[in-house]
Each structure stands twice: as C-alpha cells, then as structure tokens.
Amino acid sequence: MQFLSVKEIEKHHSFFYTFSKNMEEKYPDNLNKCYVYNAPAIITQLFNIISLIVHKDTLKKVELVK
C-alpha cells in the first residue's frame, strides 16, 4: 500500500467500480460497524475515492478514527 497513489487508483476506476458492484451483489450486508484506527493518509484518500462507488448505507458503517 505504501506505493499506491491516487493516480494509480484513478487509472483503475472501472475495476474498482465493478469489484464493488460484484461484492454488493454476492455478499449480503453483515457489517454492523467498522472502525479503522490510525490509518495512513493513503487509506483516507482511498476511502474518499471508494466512497464514490460504495453504497451510502455501507459508508455510514465505516469510521476512520485518528
């Protein structure tokens, strides 16, 4: 993850979108709450990008804690 950049993620937007949709269809909603503690800056950036394609109800269950 240390070499992953936002530019690289943007190049593969269609993959992430397709992956997200497949996961949403194949796996039921089982998550109650997910806390991510002391995440590096790239995780925050990745989360911001992924938040564009992940269902809003799922996003409400994920919390980045500093």
C-alpha atoms as a PDB file:
ATOM      1  CA  MET A   1       0.000   0.000   0.000  1.00  0.00           C
ATOM      2  CA  GLN A   2       2.893   2.404   0.542  1.00  0.00           C
ATOM      3  CA  PHE A   3       3.444   2.708  -3.225  1.00  0.00           C
ATOM      4  CA  LEU A   4      -0.219   3.093  -4.130  1.00  0.00           C
ATOM      5  CA  SER A   5      -1.091   6.576  -5.324  1.00  0.00           C
ATOM      6  CA  VAL A   6      -4.373   8.278  -6.092  1.00  0.00           C
ATOM      7  CA  LYS A   7      -3.275   8.489  -9.730  1.00  0.00           C
ATOM      8  CA  GLU A   8      -2.909   4.689  -9.858  1.00  0.00           C
ATOM      9  CA  ILE A   9      -6.332   4.228  -8.301  1.00  0.00           C
ATOM     10  CA  GLU A  10      -7.926   6.597 -10.802  1.00  0.00           C
ATOM     11  CA  LYS A  11      -6.422   4.604 -13.678  1.00  0.00           C
ATOM     12  CA  HIS A  12      -8.282   1.530 -12.446  1.00  0.00           C
ATOM     13  CA  HIS A  13     -11.598   3.191 -11.617  1.00  0.00           C
ATOM     14  CA  SER A  14     -13.646   0.755 -13.718  1.00  0.00           C
ATOM     15  CA  PHE A  15     -12.091  -2.224 -11.922  1.00  0.00           C
ATOM     16  CA  PHE A  16     -12.922  -0.785  -8.500  1.00  0.00           C
ATOM     17  CA  TYR A  17     -16.449   0.033  -9.621  1.00  0.00           C
ATOM     18  CA  THR A  18     -17.036  -3.480 -10.998  1.00  0.00           C
ATOM     19  CA  PHE A  19     -15.449  -5.080  -7.934  1.00  0.00           C
ATOM     20  CA  SER A  20     -17.665  -3.035  -5.620  1.00  0.00           C
ATOM     21  CA  LYS A  21     -20.831  -3.940  -7.520  1.00  0.00           C
ATOM     22  CA  ASN A  22     -19.934  -7.637  -7.551  1.00  0.00           C
ATOM     23  CA  MET A  23     -19.262  -7.641  -3.820  1.00  0.00           C
ATOM     24  CA  GLU A  24     -22.543  -5.866  -3.189  1.00  0.00           C
ATOM     25  CA  GLU A  25     -24.479  -8.440  -5.233  1.00  0.00           C
ATOM     26  CA  LYS A  26     -22.764 -11.594  -3.970  1.00  0.00           C
ATOM     27  CA  TYR A  27     -22.407 -10.886  -0.277  1.00  0.00           C
ATOM     28  CA  PRO A  28     -25.229  -9.798   1.987  1.00  0.00           C
ATOM     29  CA  ASP A  29     -24.947  -6.836   4.294  1.00  0.00           C
ATOM     30  CA  ASN A  30     -23.453  -8.302   7.501  1.00  0.00           C
ATOM     31  CA  LEU A  31     -21.357  -5.436   8.777  1.00  0.00           C
ATOM     32  CA  ASN A  32     -22.584  -3.623  11.869  1.00  0.00           C
ATOM     33  CA  LYS A  33     -19.722  -1.148  12.276  1.00  0.00           C
ATOM     34  CA  CYS A  34     -16.104  -0.956  11.163  1.00  0.00           C
ATOM     35  CA  TYR A  35     -13.558   1.251  12.925  1.00  0.00           C
ATOM     36  CA  VAL A  36     -10.220   1.936  11.245  1.00  0.00           C
ATOM     37  CA  TYR A  37      -7.679   3.254  13.751  1.00  0.00           C
ATOM     38  CA  ASN A  38      -4.549   5.267  12.886  1.00  0.00           C
ATOM     39  CA  ALA A  39      -4.950   4.776   9.161  1.00  0.00           C
ATOM     40  CA  PRO A  40      -2.195   6.237   6.987  1.00  0.00           C
ATOM     41  CA  ALA A  41      -3.066   9.155   4.708  1.00  0.00           C
ATOM     42  CA  ILE A  42      -3.350   6.903   1.646  1.00  0.00           C
ATOM     43  CA  ILE A  43      -6.184   4.988   3.333  1.00  0.00           C
ATOM     44  CA  THR A  44      -8.074   8.242   3.862  1.00  0.00           C
ATOM     45  CA  GLN A  45      -7.576   9.129   0.196  1.00  0.00           C
ATOM     46  CA  LEU A  46      -8.584   5.639  -0.884  1.00  0.00           C
ATOM     47  CA  PHE A  47     -11.682   5.819   1.300  1.00  0.00           C
ATOM     48  CA  ASN A  48     -12.652   9.133  -0.304  1.00  0.00           C
ATOM     49  CA  ILE A  49     -12.375   7.602  -3.771  1.00  0.00           C
ATOM     50  CA  ILE A  50     -14.158   4.391  -2.847  1.00  0.00           C
ATOM     51  CA  SER A  51     -16.930   6.384  -1.217  1.00  0.00           C
ATOM     52  CA  LEU A  52     -17.987   7.463  -4.705  1.00  0.00           C
ATOM     53  CA  ILE A  53     -18.965   3.903  -5.643  1.00  0.00           C
ATOM     54  CA  VAL A  54     -19.848   2.186  -2.351  1.00  0.00           C
ATOM     55  CA  HIS A  55     -23.448   2.202  -1.186  1.00  0.00           C
ATOM     56  CA  LYS A  56     -24.193   5.087   1.204  1.00  0.00           C
ATOM     57  CA  ASP A  57     -25.577   2.782   3.921  1.00  0.00           C
ATOM     58  CA  THR A  58     -22.286   0.876   3.936  1.00  0.00           C
ATOM     59  CA  LEU A  59     -20.278   4.104   4.181  1.00  0.00           C
ATOM     60  CA  LYS A  60     -22.172   5.057   7.326  1.00  0.00           C
ATOM     61  CA  LYS A  61     -20.851   1.893   8.958  1.00  0.00           C
ATOM     62  CA  VAL A  62     -17.175   2.719   8.395  1.00  0.00           C
ATOM     63  CA  GLU A  63     -15.458   5.216  10.653  1.00  0.00           C
ATOM     64  CA  LEU A  64     -11.857   6.386  10.351  1.00  0.00           C
ATOM     65  CA  VAL A  65     -10.530   7.116  13.858  1.00  0.00           C
ATOM     66  CA  LYS A  66      -7.375   9.169  14.358  1.00  0.00           C
END
